[in-house]
Amino acid sequence: MTVTNEYVVKGMTCEHCVAAVSAELAKLDGVGAVSVDLNTGQVTVSSDSPLDAAQVGSAVDEAGYELTS
């Protein structure tokens, strides 16, 4: 079963930002895919099981950005 969650990340301005956020989120256990819409800040994460919001927030923070939802 695949679980899909959507988040909004603040502060991304370029493809480097997208790559940094995607790489950090991909490190989380069970994550199979990460899709980022740079224009809206919308991040879609597909995983094997529900993700812990605190872990997602920490990963985005590690990339240097802010999780807003």
Protein backbone atom coordinates (compact mmCIF):
# COMPACT_ATOMS: atom_id res chain seq x y z
CA MET A 1 0.00 0.00 0.00
CA THR A 2 1.33 3.42 -0.92
CA VAL A 3 0.56 6.47 1.20
CA THR A 4 0.71 9.92 -0.41
CA ASN A 5 1.12 13.07 1.67
CA GLU A 6 1.27 16.67 0.53
CA TYR A 7 3.19 19.44 2.25
CA VAL A 8 4.04 23.07 1.56
CA VAL A 9 7.66 24.14 1.88
CA LYS A 10 8.59 27.80 2.19
CA GLY A 11 11.77 29.33 0.81
CA MET A 12 12.50 27.31 -2.32
CA THR A 13 13.51 29.52 -5.25
CA CYS A 14 15.41 27.32 -7.72
CA GLU A 15 16.07 23.79 -8.92
CA HIS A 16 18.92 23.47 -6.40
CA CYS A 17 16.34 24.05 -3.65
CA VAL A 18 14.11 21.36 -5.13
CA ALA A 19 17.02 18.92 -5.27
CA ALA A 20 18.02 19.62 -1.66
CA VAL A 21 14.50 19.12 -0.29
CA SER A 22 13.93 16.03 -2.44
CA ALA A 23 17.21 14.45 -1.34
CA GLU A 24 16.53 14.95 2.37
CA LEU A 25 12.97 13.63 2.14
CA ALA A 26 14.11 10.62 0.10
CA LYS A 27 16.35 9.60 3.03
CA LEU A 28 13.32 8.96 5.26
CA ASP A 29 12.46 5.29 5.79
CA GLY A 30 9.82 4.03 3.38
CA VAL A 31 9.85 7.01 1.00
CA GLY A 32 9.52 5.85 -2.58
CA ALA A 33 9.03 9.11 -4.46
CA VAL A 34 9.20 12.85 -3.92
CA SER A 35 7.67 15.40 -6.29
CA VAL A 36 8.14 19.16 -5.87
CA ASP A 37 6.29 22.01 -7.59
CA LEU A 38 8.70 24.93 -7.32
CA ASN A 39 6.08 27.53 -8.23
CA THR A 40 3.69 26.62 -5.42
CA GLY A 41 6.06 25.04 -2.91
CA GLN A 42 3.86 21.94 -2.96
CA VAL A 43 5.76 18.75 -2.09
CA THR A 44 4.17 15.34 -2.63
CA VAL A 45 5.75 12.38 -0.87
CA SER A 46 4.81 8.76 -1.55
CA SER A 47 5.79 6.21 1.07
CA ASP A 48 5.15 2.65 2.21
CA SER A 49 3.49 3.84 5.41
CA PRO A 50 2.38 7.13 6.98
CA LEU A 51 5.27 9.48 7.75
CA ASP A 52 5.85 11.15 11.08
CA ALA A 53 5.27 14.89 10.65
CA ALA A 54 8.20 15.71 12.94
CA GLN A 55 10.56 13.64 10.79
CA VAL A 56 9.31 15.34 7.63
CA GLY A 57 9.79 18.74 9.27
CA SER A 58 13.30 17.81 10.38
CA ALA A 59 14.24 16.65 6.88
CA VAL A 60 12.98 19.89 5.32
CA ASP A 61 14.80 21.88 8.01
CA GLU A 62 17.99 19.94 7.32
CA ALA A 63 17.71 21.00 3.68
CA GLY A 64 17.50 24.62 4.85
CA TYR A 65 13.81 25.31 4.29
CA GLU A 66 10.61 25.58 6.31
CA LEU A 67 7.67 23.20 6.34
CA THR A 68 4.52 25.32 6.53
CA SER A 69 1.86 22.61 6.42
